[in-house]
């Protein structure tokens, strides 16, 4: 299936983890992928190499998404080379957990400026091209932390909750111009932070999930692919929770 033949897009934070899985999945369905990264150049180049070896098309796109000008320049270069852009997946994000009473200004700023500010900078860097082409898809990656109490993650929770609010407003403004914006909200993934938790904690968490299993990267990947495809053409401004029922 080639749902994204002749389409081009950028996936931020694509040097590893979910971003890498997304990059490879979009490329496998015909897309030309900009593999976004900041510090992990070797891993980004490895992602590109794996895509090319599998018959896909990709190039690395370096940008510090906290920096509006740098992001604009990097994305403009990609868009100019491709003659436009069809999709943007705002996946890049960081955590820096600290108790709220002890949270430093630096920790607050770093996380919110990367996660929420970066989403804003990246979307703004592509939106004019999408408006000119009267089409485009922007998928923002949220977190269940954005809609419930997550002690120790005030900065992260605020940034992810802000992404959902930003998504709704962007969707309302941009839909008349042919641009669809949605958020995908992953739950607890095998490949995520749960790898650093005690086995007993993971088992307790898993028992609270109605499907009785942790999520996998492919659960998120398939949701993002669907929302980015023409099959989801009437879906805008939504936060699609993919957590096996944990939030019920």
Protein backbone atom coordinates (compact mmCIF):
# COMPACT_ATOMS: atom_id res chain seq x y z
CA UNK A 1 0.00 0.00 0.00
CA UNK A 2 1.42 3.40 -1.05
CA UNK A 3 -0.83 5.90 0.71
CA UNK A 4 1.87 8.57 0.55
CA UNK A 5 3.27 8.21 -2.95
CA UNK A 6 4.53 11.53 -4.31
CA UNK A 7 4.15 13.15 -0.89
CA UNK A 8 6.85 14.75 1.21
CA UNK A 9 7.04 15.52 4.89
CA UNK A 10 9.20 16.09 7.93
CA UNK A 11 9.16 13.99 11.09
CA UNK A 12 10.91 15.63 14.03
CA UNK A 13 12.86 13.58 16.54
CA UNK A 14 13.23 10.86 13.93
CA UNK A 15 16.72 9.64 14.76
CA UNK A 16 15.41 6.97 17.14
CA UNK A 17 12.41 5.56 18.96
CA UNK A 18 8.92 6.49 17.79
CA UNK A 19 10.22 9.09 15.35
CA UNK A 20 12.45 6.56 13.61
CA UNK A 21 9.59 4.06 13.41
CA UNK A 22 7.37 6.75 11.89
CA UNK A 23 10.00 7.79 9.36
CA UNK A 24 10.49 4.23 8.17
CA UNK A 25 6.74 3.61 8.00
CA UNK A 26 5.99 6.73 5.95
CA UNK A 27 8.89 5.96 3.61
CA UNK A 28 7.68 2.38 3.17
CA UNK A 29 4.39 3.79 1.89
CA UNK A 30 6.00 6.01 -0.71
CA UNK A 31 6.74 9.26 1.11
CA UNK A 32 9.91 11.29 0.80
CA UNK A 33 10.85 11.81 4.45
CA UNK A 34 12.82 14.54 6.14
CA UNK A 35 14.39 12.84 9.16
CA UNK A 36 14.43 15.58 11.75
CA UNK A 37 17.10 15.65 14.45
CA UNK A 38 19.21 18.04 16.51
CA UNK A 39 22.13 16.38 18.27
CA UNK A 40 21.94 12.74 17.16
CA UNK A 41 23.46 13.12 13.69
CA UNK A 42 24.84 9.58 13.43
CA UNK A 43 21.53 8.05 14.44
CA UNK A 44 19.65 10.29 12.00
CA UNK A 45 22.00 9.29 9.19
CA UNK A 46 21.49 5.65 10.15
CA UNK A 47 17.73 6.10 9.92
CA UNK A 48 18.13 7.63 6.45
CA UNK A 49 20.45 4.81 5.38
CA UNK A 50 17.99 2.14 6.54
CA UNK A 51 15.18 3.84 4.62
CA UNK A 52 17.24 4.06 1.44
CA UNK A 53 18.40 0.45 1.75
CA UNK A 54 14.73 -0.56 1.97
CA UNK A 55 13.96 1.27 -1.26
CA UNK A 56 12.63 4.46 0.32
CA UNK A 57 13.63 8.10 0.04
CA UNK A 58 14.84 10.30 2.88
CA UNK A 59 17.29 13.01 3.89
CA UNK A 60 18.37 14.30 7.31
CA UNK A 61 16.97 17.65 8.46
CA UNK A 62 18.89 19.25 11.33
CA UNK A 63 17.25 21.90 13.49
CA UNK A 64 17.13 23.02 17.10
CA UNK A 65 13.36 23.34 17.25
CA UNK A 66 13.62 25.68 20.25
CA UNK A 67 15.11 28.20 17.83
CA UNK A 68 12.50 29.68 15.48
CA UNK A 69 14.96 31.04 12.91
CA UNK A 70 17.01 27.85 12.72
CA UNK A 71 13.88 25.76 12.32
CA UNK A 72 12.50 28.07 9.64
CA UNK A 73 15.74 27.93 7.64
CA UNK A 74 16.09 24.14 7.85
CA UNK A 75 12.49 23.50 6.88
CA UNK A 76 12.58 26.11 4.11
CA UNK A 77 15.52 24.28 2.57
CA UNK A 78 13.58 20.99 2.59
CA UNK A 79 10.42 22.59 1.23
CA UNK A 80 12.31 24.41 -1.54
CA UNK A 81 14.05 21.21 -2.61
CA UNK A 82 10.80 19.22 -2.62
CA UNK A 83 8.62 21.95 -4.11
CA UNK A 84 6.28 21.90 -1.13
CA UNK A 85 5.39 19.82 1.90
CA UNK A 86 2.43 17.53 2.52
CA UNK A 87 2.79 16.49 6.15
CA UNK A 88 4.56 17.36 9.38
CA UNK A 89 4.77 15.03 12.38
CA UNK A 90 5.76 16.94 15.51
CA UNK A 91 7.29 14.09 17.48
CA UNK A 92 10.41 15.61 19.07
CA UNK A 93 10.23 16.10 22.81
CA UNK A 94 12.17 15.80 26.04
CA UNK A 95 11.60 15.23 29.76
CA UNK A 96 13.39 16.63 32.79
CA UNK A 97 11.47 15.40 35.81
CA UNK A 98 11.67 17.36 39.07
CA UNK A 99 9.24 17.92 41.97
CA UNK A 100 7.32 21.14 41.36
CA UNK A 101 8.59 22.83 44.53
CA UNK A 102 12.17 22.20 43.45
CA UNK A 103 11.77 22.72 39.70
CA UNK A 104 14.32 25.14 38.30
CA UNK A 105 13.58 27.87 35.79
CA UNK A 106 15.98 26.16 33.41
CA UNK A 107 14.13 22.85 33.64
CA UNK A 108 10.75 24.53 33.10
CA UNK A 109 11.99 26.55 30.14
CA UNK A 110 13.91 23.72 28.46
CA UNK A 111 10.97 21.31 28.46
CA UNK A 112 8.22 23.78 27.58
CA UNK A 113 10.28 25.53 24.91
CA UNK A 114 11.25 22.22 23.31
CA UNK A 115 7.93 20.40 23.47
CA UNK A 116 5.37 23.18 23.10
CA UNK A 117 7.57 25.89 21.62
CA UNK A 118 9.13 23.42 19.20
CA UNK A 119 5.71 22.27 18.01
CA UNK A 120 4.78 25.90 17.38
CA UNK A 121 8.03 26.69 15.54
CA UNK A 122 7.84 23.62 13.30
CA UNK A 123 4.18 24.13 12.42
CA UNK A 124 4.74 27.78 11.65
CA UNK A 125 7.70 26.85 9.44
CA UNK A 126 5.51 24.70 7.16
CA UNK A 127 2.09 26.30 7.32
CA UNK A 128 2.56 28.99 4.68
CA UNK A 129 3.67 26.42 2.13
CA UNK A 130 0.66 24.27 3.01
CA UNK A 131 -1.66 27.26 2.69
CA UNK A 132 -0.20 28.03 -0.73
CA UNK A 133 -0.82 24.43 -1.79
CA UNK A 134 -4.28 24.41 -0.18
CA UNK A 135 -3.54 21.10 1.54
CA UNK A 136 -1.49 19.56 4.30
CA UNK A 137 -1.52 17.47 7.45
CA UNK A 138 0.03 18.28 10.81
CA UNK A 139 0.09 15.60 13.51
CA UNK A 140 1.30 16.58 16.97
CA UNK A 141 2.40 13.91 19.42
CA UNK A 142 0.95 14.47 22.88
CA UNK A 143 0.99 12.40 26.06
CA UNK A 144 -1.47 11.10 28.62
CA UNK A 145 0.50 13.30 31.04
CA UNK A 146 -1.14 16.30 29.38
CA UNK A 147 -4.60 15.47 30.69
CA UNK A 148 -4.02 14.05 34.17
CA UNK A 149 -1.87 14.60 37.24
CA UNK A 150 1.69 13.42 36.77
CA UNK A 151 3.70 14.22 39.90
CA UNK A 152 7.24 15.23 39.07
CA UNK A 153 6.35 16.25 35.52
CA UNK A 154 4.78 19.70 35.85
CA UNK A 155 6.86 21.03 32.96
CA UNK A 156 6.24 18.02 30.72
CA UNK A 157 2.51 17.82 31.55
CA UNK A 158 2.04 21.53 30.89
CA UNK A 159 3.84 21.29 27.56
CA UNK A 160 1.81 18.29 26.40
CA UNK A 161 -1.49 19.77 27.59
CA UNK A 162 -0.56 22.93 25.72
CA UNK A 163 0.02 20.93 22.56
CA UNK A 164 -3.54 19.60 22.67
CA UNK A 165 -4.93 23.11 23.14
CA UNK A 166 -2.74 24.43 20.34
CA UNK A 167 -3.92 21.61 18.08
CA UNK A 168 -7.58 22.52 18.51
CA UNK A 169 -7.04 26.19 17.71
CA UNK A 170 -4.76 25.46 14.77
CA UNK A 171 -7.30 23.00 13.39
CA UNK A 172 -10.12 25.55 13.56
CA UNK A 173 -8.04 28.22 11.84
CA UNK A 174 -6.41 26.09 9.18
CA UNK A 175 -9.18 23.69 8.14
CA UNK A 176 -10.79 26.22 5.76
CA UNK A 177 -7.42 26.33 3.96
CA UNK A 178 -7.31 22.56 3.45
CA UNK A 179 -4.97 21.77 6.35
CA UNK A 180 -5.88 19.12 8.91
CA UNK A 181 -4.36 19.19 12.40
CA UNK A 182 -4.73 16.48 15.05
CA UNK A 183 -2.92 15.14 18.11
CA UNK A 184 -2.04 11.51 18.82
CA UNK A 185 -1.75 10.76 22.53
CA UNK A 186 0.32 7.65 23.31
CA UNK A 187 -0.08 5.72 26.52
CA UNK A 188 2.62 3.63 28.18
CA UNK A 189 4.86 2.03 25.58
CA UNK A 190 7.18 -0.94 25.95
CA UNK A 191 9.86 1.03 24.19
CA UNK A 192 9.36 4.17 26.28
CA UNK A 193 10.04 5.26 29.84
CA UNK A 194 8.66 1.99 31.21
CA UNK A 195 12.00 0.39 30.32
CA UNK A 196 13.53 2.31 33.21
CA UNK A 197 10.90 1.23 35.76
CA UNK A 198 11.04 -1.65 38.23
CA UNK A 199 9.46 -4.83 36.87
CA UNK A 200 6.85 -4.84 39.65
CA UNK A 201 5.80 -1.29 38.82
CA UNK A 202 5.44 -2.23 35.15
CA UNK A 203 3.34 -5.28 36.03
CA UNK A 204 1.06 -3.18 38.24
CA UNK A 205 0.69 -0.62 35.46
CA UNK A 206 -0.05 -3.30 32.89
CA UNK A 207 -2.77 -4.77 35.11
CA UNK A 208 -4.53 -1.39 35.09
CA UNK A 209 -4.75 -1.41 31.30
CA UNK A 210 -7.98 -3.07 30.10
CA UNK A 211 -6.15 -4.69 27.18
CA UNK A 212 -3.62 -6.09 29.69
CA UNK A 213 -0.57 -5.10 27.68
CA UNK A 214 1.72 -2.15 27.23
CA UNK A 215 1.57 -0.27 23.97
CA UNK A 216 4.00 -0.86 21.13
CA UNK A 217 5.50 1.60 18.69
CA UNK A 218 3.40 0.17 15.88
CA UNK A 219 0.19 1.01 17.77
CA UNK A 220 1.13 4.68 17.54
CA UNK A 221 2.62 4.46 14.07
CA UNK A 222 -0.54 3.00 12.54
CA UNK A 223 -2.70 5.69 14.15
CA UNK A 224 -0.46 8.46 12.81
CA UNK A 225 -0.43 6.92 9.34
CA UNK A 226 -4.23 6.74 9.31
CA UNK A 227 -4.70 10.33 10.49
CA UNK A 228 -2.21 11.50 7.87
CA UNK A 229 -3.97 9.66 5.06
CA UNK A 230 -6.89 10.69 2.90
CA UNK A 231 -9.04 8.17 4.79
CA UNK A 232 -9.05 10.59 7.74
CA UNK A 233 -10.04 13.56 5.63
CA UNK A 234 -12.96 14.55 7.88
CA UNK A 235 -11.07 14.42 11.19
CA UNK A 236 -9.66 17.66 12.60
CA UNK A 237 -8.75 19.07 15.99
CA UNK A 238 -8.95 15.75 17.82
CA UNK A 239 -6.75 14.16 20.47
CA UNK A 240 -6.71 10.48 19.60
CA UNK A 241 -5.73 8.54 22.72
CA UNK A 242 -3.88 5.29 22.05
CA UNK A 243 -3.40 3.80 25.50
CA UNK A 244 -5.18 0.44 25.58
CA UNK A 245 -7.89 1.94 27.78
CA UNK A 246 -5.65 3.14 30.62
CA UNK A 247 -7.37 6.53 30.66
CA UNK A 248 -10.90 5.13 30.84
